[in-house]
Protein backbone atom coordinates (compact mmCIF):
# COMPACT_ATOMS: atom_id res chain seq x y z
CA MET A 1 -161.80 -46.59 -49.64
CA GLY A 2 -159.32 -48.94 -47.79
CA ASP A 3 -157.07 -47.15 -45.21
CA THR A 4 -157.15 -43.77 -46.96
CA GLU A 5 -158.20 -40.90 -44.62
CA SER A 6 -161.17 -38.86 -45.61
CA GLY A 7 -160.67 -35.27 -46.86
CA PRO A 8 -161.88 -33.53 -43.64
CA ALA A 9 -159.61 -35.69 -41.45
CA GLN A 10 -156.58 -34.87 -43.57
CA ARG A 11 -157.31 -31.15 -43.40
CA ILE A 12 -157.63 -31.26 -39.60
CA ARG A 13 -154.37 -33.20 -39.26
CA LYS A 14 -152.56 -30.78 -41.57
CA ARG A 15 -153.94 -27.78 -39.71
CA ARG A 16 -152.74 -29.15 -36.37
CA ARG A 17 -149.28 -29.82 -37.81
CA ASN A 18 -149.06 -26.25 -39.15
CA ILE A 19 -150.18 -24.83 -35.81
CA GLY A 20 -147.51 -26.91 -34.04
CA ILE A 21 -144.82 -25.68 -36.41
CA GLY A 22 -146.02 -22.09 -35.98
CA ILE A 23 -145.84 -22.34 -32.20
CA ALA A 24 -142.34 -23.85 -32.35
CA VAL A 25 -141.13 -21.06 -34.64
CA ALA A 26 -142.70 -18.40 -32.39
CA VAL A 27 -141.02 -19.88 -29.29
CA LEU A 28 -137.67 -19.98 -31.09
CA VAL A 29 -137.99 -16.35 -32.19
CA LEU A 30 -138.98 -15.34 -28.64
CA VAL A 31 -135.92 -17.12 -27.19
CA ILE A 32 -133.64 -15.35 -29.67
CA ILE A 33 -135.17 -11.97 -28.78
CA VAL A 34 -134.89 -12.61 -25.03
CA VAL A 35 -131.24 -13.63 -25.33
CA ALA A 36 -130.44 -10.63 -27.54
CA VAL A 37 -132.06 -8.26 -25.05
CA ALA A 38 -130.81 -9.95 -21.89
CA VAL A 39 -127.12 -9.93 -22.85
CA PRO A 40 -126.75 -6.13 -22.84
CA LEU A 41 -129.47 -5.64 -20.20
CA SER A 42 -127.01 -5.76 -17.29
CA LEU A 43 -124.83 -3.24 -19.14
CA ARG A 44 -127.72 -0.85 -19.73
CA THR A 45 -128.93 -1.15 -16.15
CA PHE A 46 -125.44 -0.78 -14.69
CA LYS A 47 -124.53 2.13 -16.94
CA ARG A 48 -127.81 3.88 -16.19
CA GLY A 49 -127.17 3.51 -12.46
CA PHE A 50 -123.59 4.76 -12.86
CA ILE A 51 -124.62 7.86 -14.80
CA GLN A 52 -127.55 8.62 -12.48
CA ARG A 53 -125.40 8.36 -9.35
CA CYS A 54 -122.79 10.58 -10.98
CA GLU A 55 -125.34 13.25 -11.92
CA ASP A 56 -126.99 13.08 -8.48
CA PHE A 57 -123.61 13.57 -6.80
CA LYS A 58 -122.84 16.58 -8.96
CA ASP A 59 -126.21 18.14 -8.17
CA LYS A 60 -125.79 17.50 -4.45
CA LYS A 61 -122.29 18.95 -4.36
CA GLY A 62 -123.08 21.79 -6.78
CA LEU A 63 -120.29 20.73 -9.14
CA ILE A 64 -119.92 22.41 -12.50
CA ARG A 65 -121.47 20.06 -15.05
CA SER A 66 -118.96 20.86 -17.77
CA LYS A 67 -116.03 19.99 -15.45
CA TYR A 68 -117.21 16.45 -14.77
CA ASP A 69 -118.91 14.87 -17.76
CA CYS A 70 -120.51 11.68 -16.45
CA GLU A 71 -120.59 10.08 -19.90
CA LYS A 72 -116.85 10.64 -20.31
CA ILE A 73 -116.21 9.35 -16.79
CA TRP A 74 -118.19 6.22 -17.68
CA GLY A 75 -116.10 5.79 -20.82
CA LEU A 76 -112.83 5.92 -18.88
CA PHE A 77 -114.21 3.55 -16.27
CA GLU A 78 -115.36 1.05 -18.88
CA GLU A 79 -112.05 1.11 -20.74
CA ALA A 80 -110.29 -0.22 -17.65
CA TYR A 81 -111.91 -3.66 -17.64
CA VAL A 82 -114.08 -4.30 -20.74
CA GLY A 83 -112.71 -7.04 -22.98
CA ARG A 84 -110.22 -8.19 -20.33
CA ASP A 85 -109.88 -11.46 -18.51
CA PRO A 86 -111.85 -10.67 -15.30
CA CYS A 87 -108.92 -11.94 -13.22
CA LYS A 88 -106.30 -9.87 -15.05
CA VAL A 89 -107.34 -6.27 -14.47
CA PRO A 90 -104.36 -4.49 -12.85
CA VAL A 91 -104.73 -1.49 -10.57
CA GLU A 92 -102.97 0.61 -13.21
CA ALA A 93 -105.89 0.04 -15.60
CA PHE A 94 -107.94 2.52 -13.56
CA LYS A 95 -105.24 5.19 -13.50
CA PRO A 96 -106.72 7.26 -16.41
CA LEU A 97 -110.06 7.32 -14.57
CA LEU A 98 -108.50 8.32 -11.25
CA ASN A 99 -106.42 11.01 -12.97
CA ALA A 100 -109.53 12.42 -14.67
CA VAL A 101 -111.46 12.62 -11.39
CA PRO A 102 -108.76 13.37 -8.80
CA PHE A 103 -109.37 13.53 -5.07
CA LYS A 104 -109.11 17.06 -3.76
CA ARG A 105 -106.70 17.63 -0.91
CA LYS A 106 -108.76 18.49 2.17
CA CYS A 107 -106.51 18.87 5.17
CA ASN A 108 -107.83 17.59 8.52
CA GLN A 109 -110.94 16.12 6.84
CA THR A 110 -109.83 12.66 5.71
CA MET A 111 -111.74 9.88 7.44
CA LEU A 112 -110.62 6.29 6.91
CA TRP A 113 -112.15 3.10 8.28
CA SER A 114 -111.67 -0.62 8.69
CA LYS A 115 -114.55 -2.91 9.68
CA THR A 116 -116.60 0.14 10.75
CA LYS A 117 -118.23 1.12 7.45
CA ALA A 118 -121.81 1.54 8.69
CA VAL A 119 -121.08 3.77 11.68
CA VAL A 120 -118.49 5.81 9.75
CA HIS A 121 -120.90 6.66 6.95
CA ASP A 122 -123.75 7.38 9.32
CA PHE A 123 -121.37 9.79 11.02
CA THR A 124 -120.05 11.55 7.92
CA LYS A 125 -123.58 12.06 6.57
CA LYS A 126 -124.19 14.33 9.56
CA ARG A 127 -120.69 15.66 10.12
CA LYS A 128 -119.79 17.21 6.78
CA CYS A 129 -116.34 18.24 7.98
CA PHE A 130 -115.12 14.65 7.48
CA GLU A 131 -114.97 12.80 4.18
CA THR A 132 -114.52 9.11 3.43
CA LEU A 133 -113.59 7.64 0.06
CA GLU A 134 -117.25 6.72 -0.43
CA ASP A 135 -118.22 10.37 0.03
CA THR A 136 -116.31 11.35 -3.13
CA LEU A 137 -117.69 11.26 -6.67
CA LEU A 138 -116.14 7.96 -7.76
CA GLY A 139 -116.56 6.37 -4.35
CA SER A 140 -120.23 7.24 -4.10
CA VAL A 141 -120.95 6.08 -7.65
CA LEU A 142 -119.34 2.66 -7.23
CA ASP A 143 -120.07 1.93 -3.58
CA GLU A 144 -121.67 -1.53 -3.22
CA MET A 145 -121.58 -2.03 -7.01
CA ASN A 146 -120.23 -5.19 -8.64
CA TRP A 147 -118.91 -5.43 -12.19
CA CYS A 148 -116.47 -7.13 -14.52
CA GLY A 149 -115.73 -7.71 -18.18
CA LYS A 150 -114.94 -10.85 -20.11
CA GLU A 151 -112.19 -11.53 -22.60
CA GLY A 152 -113.45 -11.05 -26.14
CA SER A 153 -116.64 -9.26 -25.06
CA ASN A 154 -117.49 -5.55 -25.11
CA GLU A 155 -120.13 -5.94 -22.39
CA THR A 156 -120.21 -5.17 -18.68
CA PHE A 157 -121.36 -8.00 -16.44
CA THR A 158 -122.75 -7.67 -12.92
CA THR A 159 -123.08 -11.37 -12.08
CA GLY A 160 -120.59 -14.22 -12.24
CA CYS A 161 -117.73 -11.83 -11.48
CA PRO A 162 -114.71 -13.15 -9.54
CA GLU A 163 -114.23 -12.26 -5.89
CA ARG A 164 -111.02 -11.52 -4.02
CA THR A 165 -110.83 -15.18 -3.01
CA ASP A 166 -110.90 -16.16 -6.69
CA CYS A 167 -108.14 -13.85 -7.91
CA VAL A 168 -106.26 -10.77 -6.73
CA PHE A 169 -106.59 -8.63 -9.85
CA ASN A 170 -110.36 -8.66 -10.30
CA ALA A 171 -111.85 -5.39 -11.59
CA ARG A 172 -113.69 -4.40 -8.43
CA ASP A 173 -110.76 -4.86 -6.03
CA SER A 174 -108.30 -3.26 -8.45
CA PHE A 175 -110.46 -0.15 -8.64
CA TRP A 176 -110.88 0.14 -4.87
CA ASN A 177 -107.20 -0.52 -4.22
CA GLY A 178 -106.22 2.19 -6.69
CA ALA A 179 -108.83 4.60 -5.34
CA SER A 180 -107.75 3.94 -1.74
CA ALA A 181 -104.14 4.69 -2.64
CA ALA A 182 -105.07 7.94 -4.40
CA PHE A 183 -107.35 8.98 -1.54
CA ALA A 184 -104.58 8.36 1.00
CA ASP A 185 -102.14 10.33 -1.17
CA ALA A 186 -104.52 13.30 -0.94
CA ALA A 187 -104.73 13.17 2.86
CA CYS A 188 -102.99 15.95 4.76
CA GLY A 189 -102.83 17.48 8.22
CA ASP A 190 -104.66 15.40 10.82
CA VAL A 191 -106.01 12.11 9.48
CA THR A 192 -108.72 10.19 11.34
CA VAL A 193 -109.51 6.49 11.16
CA MET A 194 -112.32 4.55 12.82
CA LEU A 195 -111.27 1.03 13.77
CA ALA A 196 -113.40 -1.75 15.24
CA GLY A 197 -112.89 -2.24 18.96
CA SER A 198 -115.12 -5.30 18.90
CA VAL A 199 -112.49 -7.49 17.22
CA ALA A 200 -109.25 -8.91 18.58
CA THR A 201 -107.03 -7.08 16.08
CA PRO A 202 -108.40 -3.60 15.22
CA PHE A 203 -105.37 -2.98 13.04
CA TYR A 204 -105.40 -6.00 10.74
CA ASP A 205 -102.13 -6.21 8.81
CA LYS A 206 -103.83 -7.55 5.65
CA SER A 207 -106.49 -4.83 5.47
CA VAL A 208 -106.58 -2.07 2.84
CA PHE A 209 -105.90 0.44 5.61
CA ALA A 210 -102.73 -1.42 6.65
CA THR A 211 -101.36 -2.41 3.26
CA ILE A 212 -102.32 0.54 1.06
CA GLU A 213 -103.29 3.64 3.06
CA VAL A 214 -100.89 3.75 6.03
CA PRO A 215 -97.73 3.35 3.87
CA ARG A 216 -98.72 6.56 2.05
CA PHE A 217 -98.65 8.78 5.13
CA TYR A 218 -95.57 10.95 5.20
CA SER A 219 -94.55 13.93 7.31
CA PRO A 220 -94.88 16.88 6.93
CA ARG A 221 -97.88 16.34 4.61
CA VAL A 222 -99.55 14.22 7.29
CA ARG A 223 -99.18 15.68 10.76
CA SER A 224 -101.00 13.08 12.86
CA LEU A 225 -103.15 9.96 12.81
CA LYS A 226 -106.09 9.94 15.17
CA VAL A 227 -107.53 6.50 15.87
CA VAL A 228 -111.13 6.31 17.06
CA LEU A 229 -111.57 2.82 18.49
CA VAL A 230 -115.28 2.12 18.15
CA THR A 231 -116.39 -0.21 20.94
CA LYS A 232 -119.60 -2.05 21.70
CA LYS A 233 -120.95 -3.48 24.94
CA ASN A 234 -118.62 -6.10 26.40
CA SER A 235 -115.79 -5.13 24.03
CA VAL A 236 -112.46 -6.15 25.53
CA THR A 237 -110.17 -4.34 23.06
CA ASN A 238 -108.66 -1.01 24.10
CA CYS A 239 -106.02 1.42 22.88
CA ASP A 240 -103.28 -0.74 24.43
CA ASN A 241 -104.04 -3.50 21.92
CA GLU A 242 -100.87 -5.01 20.46
CA SER A 243 -102.06 -4.48 16.87
CA LEU A 244 -102.42 -0.74 17.56
CA LYS A 245 -98.86 -0.65 18.86
CA ASP A 246 -97.88 -2.22 15.54
CA LEU A 247 -99.76 0.58 13.77
CA GLN A 248 -97.72 3.16 15.69
CA ARG A 249 -94.49 1.48 14.63
CA LYS A 250 -95.55 1.50 10.96
CA LEU A 251 -96.27 5.24 10.86
CA GLY A 252 -93.79 7.43 9.08
CA LYS A 253 -91.27 9.37 11.14
CA GLY A 254 -92.65 12.66 12.46
CA ILE A 255 -96.32 11.62 12.41
CA LYS A 256 -98.02 11.90 15.78
CA TYR A 257 -100.34 9.17 16.99
CA ASN A 258 -103.40 9.36 19.21
CA CYS A 259 -106.02 6.76 20.12
CA THR A 260 -109.42 7.37 21.71
CA LYS A 261 -111.80 4.64 22.80
CA MET A 262 -115.33 5.61 21.80
CA PRO A 263 -118.55 3.62 22.46
CA GLU A 264 -120.61 3.18 19.30
CA ASP A 265 -123.71 4.29 21.23
CA LYS A 266 -122.06 7.63 21.96
CA ILE A 267 -121.29 8.18 18.29
CA TYR A 268 -124.92 7.53 17.40
CA ASP A 269 -125.99 9.95 20.14
CA TRP A 270 -123.91 12.58 18.37
CA ILE A 271 -125.45 11.66 15.05
CA SER A 272 -129.00 12.02 16.37
CA ASP A 273 -128.21 15.19 18.32
CA PRO A 274 -125.58 17.24 16.43
CA GLU A 275 -125.64 19.98 19.07
CA ASP A 276 -124.23 17.49 21.55
CA CYS A 277 -121.36 16.64 19.23
CA VAL A 278 -117.84 17.98 19.76
CA PRO A 279 -116.64 20.45 17.09
CA CYS A 280 -114.85 18.97 14.10
């Protein structure tokens, strides 16, 4: 007999080895499946959210479905950044999308903002006579969304995307810069902007409002700019702020300027009690 294992012992050892190999193979297959599913998962989730927001907006606004095909809009959107270096997506890449879904010219209804996003959107939800960029189809679909592509890939990614501090021409900022420019180009009549009275410089010269929107205001298309300086308790900024004087100087010739200091609490009183609100 010597050192030779008995028949039953050999069978048990062989069975255990086969089970171990089977488990290893199963784990490997599972990993491959998870990776294969996970790679396009962000794309499917993002696209589904994009299409759903688009359809919801159309239903809410009563838009003609055949005029704005959400699948086609998605296709134009995707073409702008997919397969590109995420730091090399120029503003012009979104031009076909912005041309396909143009902003309608609504005189006296354009509402812009800088550092006042929450109060502005709470206000425009109740006061339908004003419209921000985020109240439009493209703006509402992409508000608070994050996305980018990668060179050599046909996927959309929602994580690991560069921020403004990483590079200027990232997909998200390029879209919003292009959309802000187009939205400002559509403004006419009296334009309103809500600026933060709780900061030292309400008109910040590096903001989108200062660098992209204001330079697109020309008379006679734009008649006036009305600044609503939103203040909080203990705010020290007022309409005599030096940055606001700089804003006046940057306005095109023939455009009137007006500034009104408005407590944030008062704006929310109007929101909660529309009957107490001044007419648009």
